[in-house]
Amino acid sequence: LLFSDMDLKPDAKRKENQVMRTRINQKLEESGERERLKELLRSRLQECGWRDQLKKHCRELISHRGLNNISVDTLAQEITPKARASVPDLVKKELLQQIREYLEKNPI
């Protein structure tokens, strides 16, 4: 069975994107920018009440199931999708803008 160029392009593009993400993460890590961005994210999530909402949801899950009937791993698996989905768009946009500005000043 032969594959057309069209069939290979999505995989090649995906691989290229993965390589670029890896290079960006490496540059952010090496420069210390990643840690600064993480701290900015923590701060913004605290300011908007996201952490408090998440804590409340965790307490509700534990209360509903019982402390002895839920593990930390299970709690993390259940809370992660909600946590990611509930990050405010403004926080996401600000973080993305900060990354873009850093990459403009520090090209790969």
C-alpha atoms as a PDB file:
ATOM      1  CA  LEU A   1       0.000   0.000   0.000  1.00  0.00           C
ATOM      2  CA  LEU A   2       1.422   3.374  -1.032  1.00  0.00           C
ATOM      3  CA  PHE A   3       0.841   6.553   0.891  1.00  0.00           C
ATOM      4  CA  SER A   4       0.251   9.827  -0.847  1.00  0.00           C
ATOM      5  CA  ASP A   5       2.083  12.986   0.198  1.00  0.00           C
ATOM      6  CA  MET A   6      -1.182  14.186   1.657  1.00  0.00           C
ATOM      7  CA  ASP A   7      -1.285  11.212   4.026  1.00  0.00           C
ATOM      8  CA  LEU A   8       2.212  11.941   5.300  1.00  0.00           C
ATOM      9  CA  LYS A   9       1.858  15.684   5.776  1.00  0.00           C
ATOM     10  CA  PRO A  10      -0.234  15.625   8.964  1.00  0.00           C
ATOM     11  CA  ASP A  11       2.272  13.300  10.658  1.00  0.00           C
ATOM     12  CA  ALA A  12       5.232  15.322   9.423  1.00  0.00           C
ATOM     13  CA  LYS A  13       3.579  18.546  10.596  1.00  0.00           C
ATOM     14  CA  ARG A  14       2.791  16.985  13.970  1.00  0.00           C
ATOM     15  CA  LYS A  15       6.408  15.859  14.325  1.00  0.00           C
ATOM     16  CA  GLU A  16       7.646  19.324  13.345  1.00  0.00           C
ATOM     17  CA  ASN A  17       5.326  20.933  15.907  1.00  0.00           C
ATOM     18  CA  GLN A  18       6.528  18.546  18.606  1.00  0.00           C
ATOM     19  CA  VAL A  19      10.167  19.332  17.822  1.00  0.00           C
ATOM     20  CA  MET A  20       9.432  23.069  17.988  1.00  0.00           C
ATOM     21  CA  ARG A  21       7.575  22.699  21.325  1.00  0.00           C
ATOM     22  CA  THR A  22      10.542  20.773  22.709  1.00  0.00           C
ATOM     23  CA  ARG A  23      12.989  23.451  21.568  1.00  0.00           C
ATOM     24  CA  ILE A  24      10.838  26.236  23.032  1.00  0.00           C
ATOM     25  CA  ASN A  25      10.491  24.413  26.356  1.00  0.00           C
ATOM     26  CA  GLN A  26      14.224  23.784  26.466  1.00  0.00           C
ATOM     27  CA  LYS A  27      14.988  27.467  25.801  1.00  0.00           C
ATOM     28  CA  LEU A  28      12.478  28.594  28.433  1.00  0.00           C
ATOM     29  CA  GLU A  29      13.927  26.155  30.956  1.00  0.00           C
ATOM     30  CA  GLU A  30      17.575  27.042  30.289  1.00  0.00           C
ATOM     31  CA  SER A  31      16.947  30.774  30.548  1.00  0.00           C
ATOM     32  CA  GLY A  32      14.877  30.587  33.722  1.00  0.00           C
ATOM     33  CA  GLU A  33      11.918  32.094  31.869  1.00  0.00           C
ATOM     34  CA  ARG A  34       9.828  28.975  32.424  1.00  0.00           C
ATOM     35  CA  GLU A  35      10.043  29.404  36.197  1.00  0.00           C
ATOM     36  CA  ARG A  36       9.083  33.082  35.900  1.00  0.00           C
ATOM     37  CA  LEU A  37       6.088  32.145  33.735  1.00  0.00           C
ATOM     38  CA  LYS A  38       5.040  29.456  36.218  1.00  0.00           C
ATOM     39  CA  GLU A  39       5.147  32.003  39.019  1.00  0.00           C
ATOM     40  CA  LEU A  40       3.096  34.452  36.940  1.00  0.00           C
ATOM     41  CA  LEU A  41       0.551  31.700  36.290  1.00  0.00           C
ATOM     42  CA  ARG A  42       0.360  30.812  39.998  1.00  0.00           C
ATOM     43  CA  SER A  43      -0.154  34.448  40.875  1.00  0.00           C
ATOM     44  CA  ARG A  44      -2.886  35.038  38.284  1.00  0.00           C
ATOM     45  CA  LEU A  45      -4.734  31.852  39.238  1.00  0.00           C
ATOM     46  CA  GLN A  46      -4.639  32.882  42.887  1.00  0.00           C
ATOM     47  CA  GLU A  47      -5.861  36.395  42.070  1.00  0.00           C
ATOM     48  CA  CYS A  48      -8.862  35.204  40.062  1.00  0.00           C
ATOM     49  CA  GLY A  49      -9.989  32.667  42.667  1.00  0.00           C
ATOM     50  CA  TRP A  50      -9.226  29.634  40.515  1.00  0.00           C
ATOM     51  CA  ARG A  51      -7.247  27.878  43.261  1.00  0.00           C
ATOM     52  CA  ASP A  52     -10.021  28.430  45.786  1.00  0.00           C
ATOM     53  CA  GLN A  53     -12.609  27.031  43.378  1.00  0.00           C
ATOM     54  CA  LEU A  54     -10.435  23.989  42.792  1.00  0.00           C
ATOM     55  CA  LYS A  55      -9.910  23.427  46.518  1.00  0.00           C
ATOM     56  CA  LYS A  56     -13.657  23.641  47.048  1.00  0.00           C
ATOM     57  CA  HIS A  57     -14.267  21.088  44.304  1.00  0.00           C
ATOM     58  CA  CYS A  58     -11.667  18.751  45.836  1.00  0.00           C
ATOM     59  CA  ARG A  59     -13.313  19.028  49.240  1.00  0.00           C
ATOM     60  CA  GLU A  60     -16.691  18.262  47.686  1.00  0.00           C
ATOM     61  CA  LEU A  61     -15.328  15.157  45.956  1.00  0.00           C
ATOM     62  CA  ILE A  62     -13.672  13.935  49.146  1.00  0.00           C
ATOM     63  CA  SER A  63     -16.791  14.636  51.171  1.00  0.00           C
ATOM     64  CA  HIS A  64     -19.001  12.861  48.651  1.00  0.00           C
ATOM     65  CA  ARG A  65     -16.788   9.763  48.397  1.00  0.00           C
ATOM     66  CA  GLY A  66     -15.322   9.679  51.860  1.00  0.00           C
ATOM     67  CA  LEU A  67     -11.720  10.340  52.789  1.00  0.00           C
ATOM     68  CA  ASN A  68     -10.846   6.650  52.927  1.00  0.00           C
ATOM     69  CA  ASN A  69     -12.426   5.913  49.539  1.00  0.00           C
ATOM     70  CA  ILE A  70     -10.418   8.237  47.332  1.00  0.00           C
ATOM     71  CA  SER A  71      -6.696   8.310  46.653  1.00  0.00           C
ATOM     72  CA  VAL A  72      -4.608  11.319  45.769  1.00  0.00           C
ATOM     73  CA  ASP A  73      -4.053   9.835  42.295  1.00  0.00           C
ATOM     74  CA  THR A  74      -7.778   9.353  41.732  1.00  0.00           C
ATOM     75  CA  LEU A  75      -8.500  12.861  42.958  1.00  0.00           C
ATOM     76  CA  ALA A  76      -5.865  14.272  40.607  1.00  0.00           C
ATOM     77  CA  GLN A  77      -7.254  12.298  37.646  1.00  0.00           C
ATOM     78  CA  GLU A  78     -10.764  13.557  38.299  1.00  0.00           C
ATOM     79  CA  ILE A  79      -9.872  17.164  39.005  1.00  0.00           C
ATOM     80  CA  THR A  80      -7.334  17.737  36.210  1.00  0.00           C
ATOM     81  CA  PRO A  81      -9.789  18.055  33.272  1.00  0.00           C
ATOM     82  CA  LYS A  82     -11.976  20.488  35.232  1.00  0.00           C
ATOM     83  CA  ALA A  83      -8.917  22.419  36.396  1.00  0.00           C
ATOM     84  CA  ARG A  84      -7.548  22.854  32.890  1.00  0.00           C
ATOM     85  CA  ALA A  85     -10.918  23.766  31.442  1.00  0.00           C
ATOM     86  CA  SER A  86     -11.593  26.376  34.111  1.00  0.00           C
ATOM     87  CA  VAL A  87      -8.424  28.465  33.663  1.00  0.00           C
ATOM     88  CA  PRO A  88      -9.772  31.879  32.643  1.00  0.00           C
ATOM     89  CA  ASP A  89      -9.170  32.885  29.025  1.00  0.00           C
ATOM     90  CA  LEU A  90      -7.556  36.150  30.117  1.00  0.00           C
ATOM     91  CA  VAL A  91      -4.934  34.212  32.075  1.00  0.00           C
ATOM     92  CA  LYS A  92      -4.243  31.935  29.103  1.00  0.00           C
ATOM     93  CA  LYS A  93      -3.953  34.922  26.763  1.00  0.00           C
ATOM     94  CA  GLU A  94      -1.603  36.775  29.086  1.00  0.00           C
ATOM     95  CA  LEU A  95       0.666  33.769  29.433  1.00  0.00           C
ATOM     96  CA  LEU A  96       0.699  33.161  25.690  1.00  0.00           C
ATOM     97  CA  GLN A  97       1.526  36.831  25.079  1.00  0.00           C
ATOM     98  CA  GLN A  98       4.403  36.634  27.552  1.00  0.00           C
ATOM     99  CA  ILE A  99       5.775  33.571  25.733  1.00  0.00           C
ATOM    100  CA  ARG A 100       5.466  35.283  22.353  1.00  0.00           C
ATOM    101  CA  GLU A 101       7.245  38.389  23.607  1.00  0.00           C
ATOM    102  CA  TYR A 102      10.041  36.286  25.063  1.00  0.00           C
ATOM    103  CA  LEU A 103      10.473  34.366  21.802  1.00  0.00           C
ATOM    104  CA  GLU A 104      10.514  37.596  19.770  1.00  0.00           C
ATOM    105  CA  LYS A 105      13.374  38.867  21.934  1.00  0.00           C
ATOM    106  CA  ASN A 106      15.098  35.474  22.117  1.00  0.00           C
ATOM    107  CA  PRO A 107      14.556  33.642  18.809  1.00  0.00           C
ATOM    108  CA  ILE A 108      15.203  29.941  18.607  1.00  0.00           C
END
